[in-house]
Amino acid sequence: MKKILLLCVTLTMAFASATTHKIVLYENATLNGKELKAGEYKVEIDNGKIVMKLGKTTVEAPIQVENTSEKYVKTAVRYLNSEGKYQIKEIRVGGTNMKVTVN
């Protein structure tokens, strides 16, 4: 019984640490070298990685999360424009003080 309770607590903590957000890309972009079409993505941030999902498309990338002193009013995606392609470099999550930097 104690093992089952410990397992339930561990799983709950694992799921509680992940955060999920919706982010809209208005332009096609790349993340970790993979192409993302413009659209509204479900984004999961957990354990040093970001997972962006739209339909059957799923892209993962290593990240660094920073909690800043300011709370962001809206979500903003910052890009690096390289050779005419937008590469996602930073996401500031609206309604939080979380800044995600793509490694």
PDB file of N, CA and C in Angstrom:
ATOM      1  N   MET A   1       0.821  -1.190   0.000  1.00  0.00           N
ATOM      2  CA  MET A   1       0.000   0.000   0.000  1.00  0.00           C
ATOM      3  C   MET A   1       0.869   1.261   0.000  1.00  0.00           C
ATOM      4  N   LYS A   2       1.962   1.223   0.799  1.00  0.00           N
ATOM      5  CA  LYS A   2       2.849   2.384   0.850  1.00  0.00           C
ATOM      6  C   LYS A   2       3.515   2.625  -0.499  1.00  0.00           C
ATOM      7  N   LYS A   3       3.836   1.551  -1.212  1.00  0.00           N
ATOM      8  CA  LYS A   3       4.476   1.691  -2.523  1.00  0.00           C
ATOM      9  C   LYS A   3       3.524   2.340  -3.517  1.00  0.00           C
ATOM     10  N   ILE A   4       2.268   1.976  -3.475  1.00  0.00           N
ATOM     11  CA  ILE A   4       1.268   2.555  -4.385  1.00  0.00           C
ATOM     12  C   ILE A   4       1.085   4.034  -4.077  1.00  0.00           C
ATOM     13  N   LEU A   5       1.002   4.378  -2.802  1.00  0.00           N
ATOM     14  CA  LEU A   5       0.856   5.774  -2.408  1.00  0.00           C
ATOM     15  C   LEU A   5       2.069   6.591  -2.844  1.00  0.00           C
ATOM     16  N   LEU A   6       3.260   6.046  -2.649  1.00  0.00           N
ATOM     17  CA  LEU A   6       4.485   6.731  -3.063  1.00  0.00           C
ATOM     18  C   LEU A   6       4.517   6.928  -4.577  1.00  0.00           C
ATOM     19  N   LEU A   7       4.097   5.921  -5.321  1.00  0.00           N
ATOM     20  CA  LEU A   7       4.046   6.025  -6.775  1.00  0.00           C
ATOM     21  C   LEU A   7       3.070   7.111  -7.207  1.00  0.00           C
ATOM     22  N   CYS A   8       1.889   7.162  -6.588  1.00  0.00           N
ATOM     23  CA  CYS A   8       0.890   8.189  -6.920  1.00  0.00           C
ATOM     24  C   CYS A   8       1.408   9.592  -6.633  1.00  0.00           C
ATOM     25  N   VAL A   9       2.065   9.770  -5.498  1.00  0.00           N
ATOM     26  CA  VAL A   9       2.621  11.078  -5.140  1.00  0.00           C
ATOM     27  C   VAL A   9       3.707  11.479  -6.133  1.00  0.00           C
ATOM     28  N   THR A  10       4.567  10.551  -6.494  1.00  0.00           N
ATOM     29  CA  THR A  10       5.649  10.829  -7.448  1.00  0.00           C
ATOM     30  C   THR A  10       5.085  11.221  -8.808  1.00  0.00           C
ATOM     31  N   LEU A  11       4.095  10.487  -9.294  1.00  0.00           N
ATOM     32  CA  LEU A  11       3.486  10.813 -10.586  1.00  0.00           C
ATOM     33  C   LEU A  11       2.788  12.157 -10.546  1.00  0.00           C
ATOM     34  N   THR A  12       2.107  12.454  -9.463  1.00  0.00           N
ATOM     35  CA  THR A  12       1.437  13.747  -9.329  1.00  0.00           C
ATOM     36  C   THR A  12       2.435  14.881  -9.371  1.00  0.00           C
ATOM     37  N   MET A  13       3.553  14.732  -8.693  1.00  0.00           N
ATOM     38  CA  MET A  13       4.579  15.769  -8.707  1.00  0.00           C
ATOM     39  C   MET A  13       5.175  15.933 -10.102  1.00  0.00           C
ATOM     40  N   ALA A  14       5.339  14.850 -10.824  1.00  0.00           N
ATOM     41  CA  ALA A  14       5.900  14.920 -12.177  1.00  0.00           C
ATOM     42  C   ALA A  14       4.967  15.679 -13.102  1.00  0.00           C
ATOM     43  N   PHE A  15       3.673  15.410 -13.006  1.00  0.00           N
ATOM     44  CA  PHE A  15       2.722  16.100 -13.865  1.00  0.00           C
ATOM     45  C   PHE A  15       2.527  17.547 -13.434  1.00  0.00           C
ATOM     46  N   ALA A  16       2.636  17.825 -12.168  1.00  0.00           N
ATOM     47  CA  ALA A  16       2.438  19.180 -11.666  1.00  0.00           C
ATOM     48  C   ALA A  16       3.561  20.111 -12.087  1.00  0.00           C
ATOM     49  N   SER A  17       4.753  19.583 -12.317  1.00  0.00           N
ATOM     50  CA  SER A  17       5.884  20.444 -12.665  1.00  0.00           C
ATOM     51  C   SER A  17       5.822  20.927 -14.114  1.00  0.00           C
ATOM     52  N   ALA A  18       5.156  20.208 -14.978  1.00  0.00           N
ATOM     53  CA  ALA A  18       5.030  20.613 -16.379  1.00  0.00           C
ATOM     54  C   ALA A  18       3.985  21.712 -16.501  1.00  0.00           C
ATOM     55  N   THR A  19       4.269  22.690 -17.353  1.00  0.00           N
ATOM     56  CA  THR A  19       3.278  23.735 -17.622  1.00  0.00           C
ATOM     57  C   THR A  19       2.868  23.647 -19.085  1.00  0.00           C
ATOM     58  N   THR A  20       1.602  23.938 -19.346  1.00  0.00           N
ATOM     59  CA  THR A  20       1.062  23.884 -20.698  1.00  0.00           C
ATOM     60  C   THR A  20       0.501  25.249 -21.055  1.00  0.00           C
ATOM     61  N   HIS A  21       0.787  25.687 -22.278  1.00  0.00           N
ATOM     62  CA  HIS A  21       0.340  26.994 -22.758  1.00  0.00           C
ATOM     63  C   HIS A  21      -0.074  26.875 -24.218  1.00  0.00           C
ATOM     64  N   LYS A  22      -0.769  27.871 -24.706  1.00  0.00           N
ATOM     65  CA  LYS A  22      -1.087  27.976 -26.128  1.00  0.00           C
ATOM     66  C   LYS A  22      -0.303  29.157 -26.676  1.00  0.00           C
ATOM     67  N   ILE A  23       0.370  28.926 -27.795  1.00  0.00           N
ATOM     68  CA  ILE A  23       1.166  29.975 -28.429  1.00  0.00           C
ATOM     69  C   ILE A  23       0.831  30.011 -29.911  1.00  0.00           C
ATOM     70  N   VAL A  24       0.600  31.213 -30.415  1.00  0.00           N
ATOM     71  CA  VAL A  24       0.281  31.388 -31.830  1.00  0.00           C
ATOM     72  C   VAL A  24       1.525  31.862 -32.565  1.00  0.00           C
ATOM     73  N   LEU A  25       1.876  31.133 -33.631  1.00  0.00           N
ATOM     74  CA  LEU A  25       2.928  31.571 -34.542  1.00  0.00           C
ATOM     75  C   LEU A  25       2.248  32.181 -35.757  1.00  0.00           C
ATOM     76  N   TYR A  26       2.552  33.424 -36.052  1.00  0.00           N
ATOM     77  CA  TYR A  26       1.935  34.111 -37.184  1.00  0.00           C
ATOM     78  C   TYR A  26       2.718  33.915 -38.474  1.00  0.00           C
ATOM     79  N   GLU A  27       3.925  33.415 -38.346  1.00  0.00           N
ATOM     80  CA  GLU A  27       4.793  33.140 -39.496  1.00  0.00           C
ATOM     81  C   GLU A  27       5.333  31.719 -39.368  1.00  0.00           C
ATOM     82  N   ASN A  28       5.688  31.111 -40.501  1.00  0.00           N
ATOM     83  CA  ASN A  28       6.399  29.836 -40.440  1.00  0.00           C
ATOM     84  C   ASN A  28       7.733  30.074 -39.737  1.00  0.00           C
ATOM     85  N   ALA A  29       8.165  29.104 -38.945  1.00  0.00           N
ATOM     86  CA  ALA A  29       9.411  29.255 -38.191  1.00  0.00           C
ATOM     87  C   ALA A  29      10.066  27.896 -38.016  1.00  0.00           C
ATOM     88  N   THR A  30      11.284  27.918 -37.498  1.00  0.00           N
ATOM     89  CA  THR A  30      11.959  26.661 -37.190  1.00  0.00           C
ATOM     90  C   THR A  30      12.265  26.607 -35.697  1.00  0.00           C
ATOM     91  N   LEU A  31      12.255  25.396 -35.179  1.00  0.00           N
ATOM     92  CA  LEU A  31      12.630  25.139 -33.792  1.00  0.00           C
ATOM     93  C   LEU A  31      13.469  23.884 -33.796  1.00  0.00           C
ATOM     94  N   ASN A  32      14.694  24.010 -33.304  1.00  0.00           N
ATOM     95  CA  ASN A  32      15.616  22.872 -33.261  1.00  0.00           C
ATOM     96  C   ASN A  32      15.815  22.273 -34.665  1.00  0.00           C
ATOM     97  N   GLY A  33      15.821  23.143 -35.681  1.00  0.00           N
ATOM     98  CA  GLY A  33      16.055  22.713 -37.056  1.00  0.00           C
ATOM     99  C   GLY A  33      14.844  22.148 -37.768  1.00  0.00           C
ATOM    100  N   LYS A  34      13.684  22.099 -37.103  1.00  0.00           N
ATOM    101  CA  LYS A  34      12.479  21.546 -37.724  1.00  0.00           C
ATOM    102  C   LYS A  34      11.479  22.650 -38.027  1.00  0.00           C
ATOM    103  N   GLU A  35      10.847  22.544 -39.178  1.00  0.00           N
ATOM    104  CA  GLU A  35       9.908  23.551 -39.666  1.00  0.00           C
ATOM    105  C   GLU A  35       8.583  23.483 -38.914  1.00  0.00           C
ATOM    106  N   LEU A  36       8.097  24.650 -38.489  1.00  0.00           N
ATOM    107  CA  LEU A  36       6.781  24.777 -37.876  1.00  0.00           C
ATOM    108  C   LEU A  36       5.945  25.709 -38.745  1.00  0.00           C
ATOM    109  N   LYS A  37       4.758  25.280 -39.108  1.00  0.00           N
ATOM    110  CA  LYS A  37       3.844  26.119 -39.880  1.00  0.00           C
ATOM    111  C   LYS A  37       3.184  27.124 -38.944  1.00  0.00           C
ATOM    112  N   ALA A  38       2.744  28.238 -39.500  1.00  0.00           N
ATOM    113  CA  ALA A  38       1.999  29.216 -38.715  1.00  0.00           C
ATOM    114  C   ALA A  38       0.744  28.539 -38.171  1.00  0.00           C
ATOM    115  N   GLY A  39       0.374  28.873 -36.933  1.00  0.00           N
ATOM    116  CA  GLY A  39      -0.811  28.291 -36.321  1.00  0.00           C
ATOM    117  C   GLY A  39      -0.751  28.383 -34.815  1.00  0.00           C
ATOM    118  N   GLU A  40      -1.782  27.838 -34.153  1.00  0.00           N
ATOM    119  CA  GLU A  40      -1.866  27.854 -32.693  1.00  0.00           C
ATOM    120  C   GLU A  40      -1.360  26.522 -32.150  1.00  0.00           C
ATOM    121  N   TYR A  41      -0.281  26.577 -31.396  1.00  0.00           N
ATOM    122  CA  TYR A  41       0.388  25.392 -30.876  1.00  0.00           C
ATOM    123  C   TYR A  41       0.101  25.193 -29.395  1.00  0.00           C
ATOM    124  N   LYS A  42      -0.029  23.929 -29.011  1.00  0.00           N
ATOM    125  CA  LYS A  42      -0.047  23.558 -27.599  1.00  0.00           C
ATOM    126  C   LYS A  42       1.417  23.377 -27.218  1.00  0.00           C
ATOM    127  N   VAL A  43       1.834  24.051 -26.155  1.00  0.00           N
ATOM    128  CA  VAL A  43       3.236  24.042 -25.759  1.00  0.00           C
ATOM    129  C   VAL A  43       3.356  23.506 -24.341  1.00  0.00           C
ATOM    130  N   GLU A  44       4.227  22.525 -24.173  1.00  0.00           N
ATOM    131  CA  GLU A  44       4.522  21.967 -22.849  1.00  0.00           C
ATOM    132  C   GLU A  44       5.964  22.315 -22.504  1.00  0.00           C
ATOM    133  N   ILE A  45       6.156  22.856 -21.309  1.00  0.00           N
ATOM    134  CA  ILE A  45       7.477  23.236 -20.841  1.00  0.00           C
ATOM    135  C   ILE A  45       7.768  22.416 -19.597  1.00  0.00           C
ATOM    136  N   ASP A  46       8.843  21.602 -19.661  1.00  0.00           N
ATOM    137  CA  ASP A  46       9.140  20.720 -18.535  1.00  0.00           C
ATOM    138  C   ASP A  46      10.574  20.205 -18.607  1.00  0.00           C
ATOM    139  N   ASN A  47      11.235  20.168 -17.478  1.00  0.00           N
ATOM    140  CA  ASN A  47      12.560  19.550 -17.333  1.00  0.00           C
ATOM    141  C   ASN A  47      13.563  19.961 -18.406  1.00  0.00           C
ATOM    142  N   GLY A  48      13.666  21.251 -18.673  1.00  0.00           N
ATOM    143  CA  GLY A  48      14.678  21.724 -19.604  1.00  0.00           C
ATOM    144  C   GLY A  48      14.374  21.481 -21.062  1.00  0.00           C
ATOM    145  N   LYS A  49      13.097  21.224 -21.388  1.00  0.00           N
ATOM    146  CA  LYS A  49      12.747  21.071 -22.806  1.00  0.00           C
ATOM    147  C   LYS A  49      11.370  21.671 -23.061  1.00  0.00           C
ATOM    148  N   ILE A  50      11.167  22.032 -24.307  1.00  0.00           N
ATOM    149  CA  ILE A  50       9.882  22.536 -24.767  1.00  0.00           C
ATOM    150  C   ILE A  50       9.377  21.577 -25.831  1.00  0.00           C
ATOM    151  N   VAL A  51       8.079  21.301 -25.805  1.00  0.00           N
ATOM    152  CA  VAL A  51       7.441  20.452 -26.805  1.00  0.00           C
ATOM    153  C   VAL A  51       6.294  21.261 -27.400  1.00  0.00           C
ATOM    154  N   MET A  52       6.352  21.496 -28.715  1.00  0.00           N
ATOM    155  CA  MET A  52       5.297  22.239 -29.416  1.00  0.00           C
ATOM    156  C   MET A  52       4.522  21.267 -30.289  1.00  0.00           C
ATOM    157  N   LYS A  53       3.174  21.311 -30.165  1.00  0.00           N
ATOM    158  CA  LYS A  53       2.320  20.378 -30.891  1.00  0.00           C
ATOM    159  C   LYS A  53       1.238  21.126 -31.650  1.00  0.00           C
ATOM    160  N   LEU A  54       1.050  20.712 -32.904  1.00  0.00           N
ATOM    161  CA  LEU A  54      -0.046  21.195 -33.742  1.00  0.00           C
ATOM    162  C   LEU A  54      -0.474  20.027 -34.607  1.00  0.00           C
ATOM    163  N   GLY A  55      -1.655  19.493 -34.340  1.00  0.00           N
ATOM    164  CA  GLY A  55      -2.092  18.307 -35.075  1.00  0.00           C
ATOM    165  C   GLY A  55      -1.137  17.161 -34.833  1.00  0.00           C
ATOM    166  N   LYS A  56      -0.624  16.577 -35.926  1.00  0.00           N
ATOM    167  CA  LYS A  56       0.314  15.463 -35.808  1.00  0.00           C
ATOM    168  C   LYS A  56       1.767  15.927 -35.714  1.00  0.00           C
ATOM    169  N   THR A  57       1.992  17.219 -35.860  1.00  0.00           N
ATOM    170  CA  THR A  57       3.343  17.770 -35.795  1.00  0.00           C
ATOM    171  C   THR A  57       3.756  17.985 -34.344  1.00  0.00           C
ATOM    172  N   THR A  58       4.884  17.426 -33.952  1.00  0.00           N
ATOM    173  CA  THR A  58       5.450  17.606 -32.615  1.00  0.00           C
ATOM    174  C   THR A  58       6.937  17.891 -32.752  1.00  0.00           C
ATOM    175  N   VAL A  59       7.384  18.980 -32.114  1.00  0.00           N
ATOM    176  CA  VAL A  59       8.795  19.354 -32.162  1.00  0.00           C
ATOM    177  C   VAL A  59       9.269  19.627 -30.745  1.00  0.00           C
ATOM    178  N   GLU A  60      10.442  19.081 -30.400  1.00  0.00           N
ATOM    179  CA  GLU A  60      11.063  19.277 -29.094  1.00  0.00           C
ATOM    180  C   GLU A  60      12.361  20.058 -29.248  1.00  0.00           C
ATOM    181  N   ALA A  61      12.705  20.801 -28.188  1.00  0.00           N
ATOM    182  CA  ALA A  61      13.982  21.511 -28.187  1.00  0.00           C
ATOM    183  C   ALA A  61      14.438  21.715 -26.751  1.00  0.00           C
ATOM    184  N   PRO A  62      15.754  21.719 -26.526  1.00  0.00           N
ATOM    185  CA  PRO A  62      16.268  22.034 -25.188  1.00  0.00           C
ATOM    186  C   PRO A  62      16.108  23.527 -24.915  1.00  0.00           C
ATOM    187  N   ILE A  63      15.777  23.854 -23.666  1.00  0.00           N
ATOM    188  CA  ILE A  63      15.537  25.255 -23.307  1.00  0.00           C
ATOM    189  C   ILE A  63      16.154  25.574 -21.958  1.00  0.00           C
ATOM    190  N   GLN A  64      16.144  26.858 -21.666  1.00  0.00           N
ATOM    191  CA  GLN A  64      16.491  27.354 -20.344  1.00  0.00           C
ATOM    192  C   GLN A  64      15.334  28.245 -19.901  1.00  0.00           C
ATOM    193  N   VAL A  65      14.801  28.015 -18.709  1.00  0.00           N
ATOM    194  CA  VAL A  65      13.674  28.789 -18.190  1.00  0.00           C
ATOM    195  C   VAL A  65      14.183  29.771 -17.155  1.00  0.00           C
ATOM    196  N   GLU A  66      13.740  31.016 -17.288  1.00  0.00           N
ATOM    197  CA  GLU A  66      14.121  32.059 -16.344  1.00  0.00           C
ATOM    198  C   GLU A  66      12.856  32.746 -15.842  1.00  0.00           C
ATOM    199  N   ASN A  67      12.753  32.939 -14.555  1.00  0.00           N
ATOM    200  CA  ASN A  67      11.658  33.710 -13.985  1.00  0.00           C
ATOM    201  C   ASN A  67      12.155  35.126 -13.770  1.00  0.00           C
ATOM    202  N   THR A  68      11.566  36.066 -14.477  1.00  0.00           N
ATOM    203  CA  THR A  68      12.006  37.457 -14.429  1.00  0.00           C
ATOM    204  C   THR A  68      11.220  38.221 -13.377  1.00  0.00           C
ATOM    205  N   SER A  69      11.608  39.453 -13.132  1.00  0.00           N
ATOM    206  CA  SER A  69      10.922  40.275 -12.140  1.00  0.00           C
ATOM    207  C   SER A  69       9.638  40.884 -12.703  1.00  0.00           C
ATOM    208  N   GLU A  70       9.522  40.938 -14.024  1.00  0.00           N
ATOM    209  CA  GLU A  70       8.308  41.507 -14.611  1.00  0.00           C
ATOM    210  C   GLU A  70       7.357  40.416 -15.081  1.00  0.00           C
ATOM    211  N   LYS A  71       6.059  40.701 -14.973  1.00  0.00           N
ATOM    212  CA  LYS A  71       5.033  39.778 -15.447  1.00  0.00           C
ATOM    213  C   LYS A  71       4.663  40.215 -16.866  1.00  0.00           C
ATOM    214  N   TYR A  72       4.672  39.277 -17.799  1.00  0.00           N
ATOM    215  CA  TYR A  72       4.391  39.598 -19.193  1.00  0.00           C
ATOM    216  C   TYR A  72       2.886  39.670 -19.422  1.00  0.00           C
ATOM    217  N   VAL A  73       2.444  40.733 -20.056  1.00  0.00           N
ATOM    218  CA  VAL A  73       1.023  40.947 -20.306  1.00  0.00           C
ATOM    219  C   VAL A  73       0.513  39.984 -21.370  1.00  0.00           C
ATOM    220  N   LYS A  74       1.295  39.794 -22.426  1.00  0.00           N
ATOM    221  CA  LYS A  74       0.898  38.871 -23.492  1.00  0.00           C
ATOM    222  C   LYS A  74       2.092  38.032 -23.914  1.00  0.00           C
ATOM    223  N   THR A  75       1.796  36.944 -24.564  1.00  0.00           N
ATOM    224  CA  THR A  75       2.852  36.055 -25.033  1.00  0.00           C
ATOM    225  C   THR A  75       3.552  36.674 -26.238  1.00  0.00           C
ATOM    226  N   ALA A  76       4.863  36.628 -26.216  1.00  0.00           N
ATOM    227  CA  ALA A  76       5.655  37.157 -27.324  1.00  0.00           C
ATOM    228  C   ALA A  76       6.712  36.130 -27.708  1.00  0.00           C
ATOM    229  N   VAL A  77       6.859  35.925 -29.008  1.00  0.00           N
ATOM    230  CA  VAL A  77       7.869  35.011 -29.533  1.00  0.00           C
ATOM    231  C   VAL A  77       8.932  35.865 -30.211  1.00  0.00           C
ATOM    232  N   ARG A  78      10.185  35.655 -29.833  1.00  0.00           N
ATOM    233  CA  ARG A  78      11.295  36.382 -30.445  1.00  0.00           C
ATOM    234  C   ARG A  78      12.045  35.427 -31.356  1.00  0.00           C
ATOM    235  N   TYR A  79      12.360  35.944 -32.537  1.00  0.00           N
ATOM    236  CA  TYR A  79      12.980  35.131 -33.577  1.00  0.00           C
ATOM    237  C   TYR A  79      14.364  35.645 -33.922  1.00  0.00           C
ATOM    238  N   LEU A  80      15.161  34.766 -34.523  1.00  0.00           N
ATOM    239  CA  LEU A  80      16.403  35.129 -35.182  1.00  0.00           C
ATOM    240  C   LEU A  80      16.149  34.895 -36.659  1.00  0.00           C
ATOM    241  N   ASN A  81      16.344  35.926 -37.492  1.00  0.00           N
ATOM    242  CA  ASN A  81      16.126  35.792 -38.928  1.00  0.00           C
ATOM    243  C   ASN A  81      17.452  35.413 -39.573  1.00  0.00           C
ATOM    244  N   SER A  82      17.531  34.163 -40.026  1.00  0.00           N
ATOM    245  CA  SER A  82      18.759  33.658 -40.627  1.00  0.00           C
ATOM    246  C   SER A  82      18.447  33.081 -42.006  1.00  0.00           C
ATOM    247  N   GLU A  83      19.050  33.672 -43.017  1.00  0.00           N
ATOM    248  CA  GLU A  83      18.867  33.220 -44.396  1.00  0.00           C
ATOM    249  C   GLU A  83      17.396  33.194 -44.794  1.00  0.00           C
ATOM    250  N   GLY A  84      16.640  34.200 -44.350  1.00  0.00           N
ATOM    251  CA  GLY A  84      15.232  34.310 -44.715  1.00  0.00           C
ATOM    252  C   GLY A  84      14.303  33.395 -43.938  1.00  0.00           C
ATOM    253  N   LYS A  85      14.818  32.676 -42.953  1.00  0.00           N
ATOM    254  CA  LYS A  85      13.985  31.797 -42.129  1.00  0.00           C
ATOM    255  C   LYS A  85      13.980  32.317 -40.697  1.00  0.00           C
ATOM    256  N   TYR A  86      12.807  32.240 -40.079  1.00  0.00           N
ATOM    257  CA  TYR A  86      12.683  32.646 -38.682  1.00  0.00           C
ATOM    258  C   TYR A  86      12.973  31.462 -37.771  1.00  0.00           C
ATOM    259  N   GLN A  87      13.914  31.645 -36.844  1.00  0.00           N
ATOM    260  CA  GLN A  87      14.237  30.614 -35.859  1.00  0.00           C
ATOM    261  C   GLN A  87      13.760  31.113 -34.497  1.00  0.00           C
ATOM    262  N   ILE A  88      12.970  30.293 -33.800  1.00  0.00           N
ATOM    263  CA  ILE A  88      12.482  30.676 -32.482  1.00  0.00           C
ATOM    264  C   ILE A  88      13.655  30.673 -31.509  1.00  0.00           C
ATOM    265  N   LYS A  89      13.862  31.804 -30.835  1.00  0.00           N
ATOM    266  CA  LYS A  89      14.968  31.925 -29.885  1.00  0.00           C
ATOM    267  C   LYS A  89      14.483  32.162 -28.458  1.00  0.00           C
ATOM    268  N   GLU A  90      13.311  32.794 -28.311  1.00  0.00           N
ATOM    269  CA  GLU A  90      12.831  33.121 -26.969  1.00  0.00           C
ATOM    270  C   GLU A  90      11.313  33.232 -26.982  1.00  0.00           C
ATOM    271  N   ILE A  91      10.695  32.774 -25.899  1.00  0.00           N
ATOM    272  CA  ILE A  91       9.249  32.905 -25.732  1.00  0.00           C
ATOM    273  C   ILE A  91       9.013  33.510 -24.361  1.00  0.00           C
ATOM    274  N   ARG A  92       8.286  34.613 -24.330  1.00  0.00           N
ATOM    275  CA  ARG A  92       7.876  35.248 -23.074  1.00  0.00           C
ATOM    276  C   ARG A  92       6.399  34.911 -22.899  1.00  0.00           C
ATOM    277  N   VAL A  93       6.093  34.136 -21.863  1.00  0.00           N
ATOM    278  CA  VAL A  93       4.761  33.572 -21.685  1.00  0.00           C
ATOM    279  C   VAL A  93       3.846  34.575 -20.985  1.00  0.00           C
ATOM    280  N   GLY A  94       2.786  34.991 -21.691  1.00  0.00           N
ATOM    281  CA  GLY A  94       1.831  35.961 -21.166  1.00  0.00           C
ATOM    282  C   GLY A  94       1.152  35.482 -19.898  1.00  0.00           C
ATOM    283  N   GLY A  95       0.942  36.424 -18.971  1.00  0.00           N
ATOM    284  CA  GLY A  95       0.296  36.108 -17.702  1.00  0.00           C
ATOM    285  C   GLY A  95       1.232  35.510 -16.673  1.00  0.00           C
ATOM    286  N   THR A  96       2.510  35.365 -17.039  1.00  0.00           N
ATOM    287  CA  THR A  96       3.513  34.819 -16.117  1.00  0.00           C
ATOM    288  C   THR A  96       4.756  35.696 -16.153  1.00  0.00           C
ATOM    289  N   ASN A  97       5.740  35.327 -15.370  1.00  0.00           N
ATOM    290  CA  ASN A  97       7.037  35.999 -15.437  1.00  0.00           C
ATOM    291  C   ASN A  97       8.080  35.043 -16.029  1.00  0.00           C
ATOM    292  N   MET A  98       7.619  34.071 -16.820  1.00  0.00           N
ATOM    293  CA  MET A  98       8.491  33.036 -17.377  1.00  0.00           C
ATOM    294  C   MET A  98       9.017  33.426 -18.771  1.00  0.00           C
ATOM    295  N   LYS A  99      10.351  33.396 -18.885  1.00  0.00           N
ATOM    296  CA  LYS A  99      11.014  33.623 -20.167  1.00  0.00           C
ATOM    297  C   LYS A  99      11.735  32.326 -20.529  1.00  0.00           C
ATOM    298  N   VAL A 100      11.435  31.802 -21.713  1.00  0.00           N
ATOM    299  CA  VAL A 100      12.007  30.551 -22.188  1.00  0.00           C
ATOM    300  C   VAL A 100      12.996  30.877 -23.297  1.00  0.00           C
ATOM    301  N   THR A 101      14.237  30.458 -23.123  1.00  0.00           N
ATOM    302  CA  THR A 101      15.266  30.675 -24.138  1.00  0.00           C
ATOM    303  C   THR A 101      15.637  29.335 -24.744  1.00  0.00           C
ATOM    304  N   VAL A 102      15.578  29.254 -26.071  1.00  0.00           N
ATOM    305  CA  VAL A 102      15.915  28.011 -26.773  1.00  0.00           C
ATOM    306  C   VAL A 102      17.423  27.910 -26.870  1.00  0.00           C
ATOM    307  N   ASN A 103      17.963  26.783 -26.473  1.00  0.00           N
ATOM    308  CA  ASN A 103      19.426  26.560 -26.509  1.00  0.00           C
ATOM    309  C   ASN A 103      19.887  26.218 -27.898  1.00  0.00           C
TER     310      ASN A 103
END
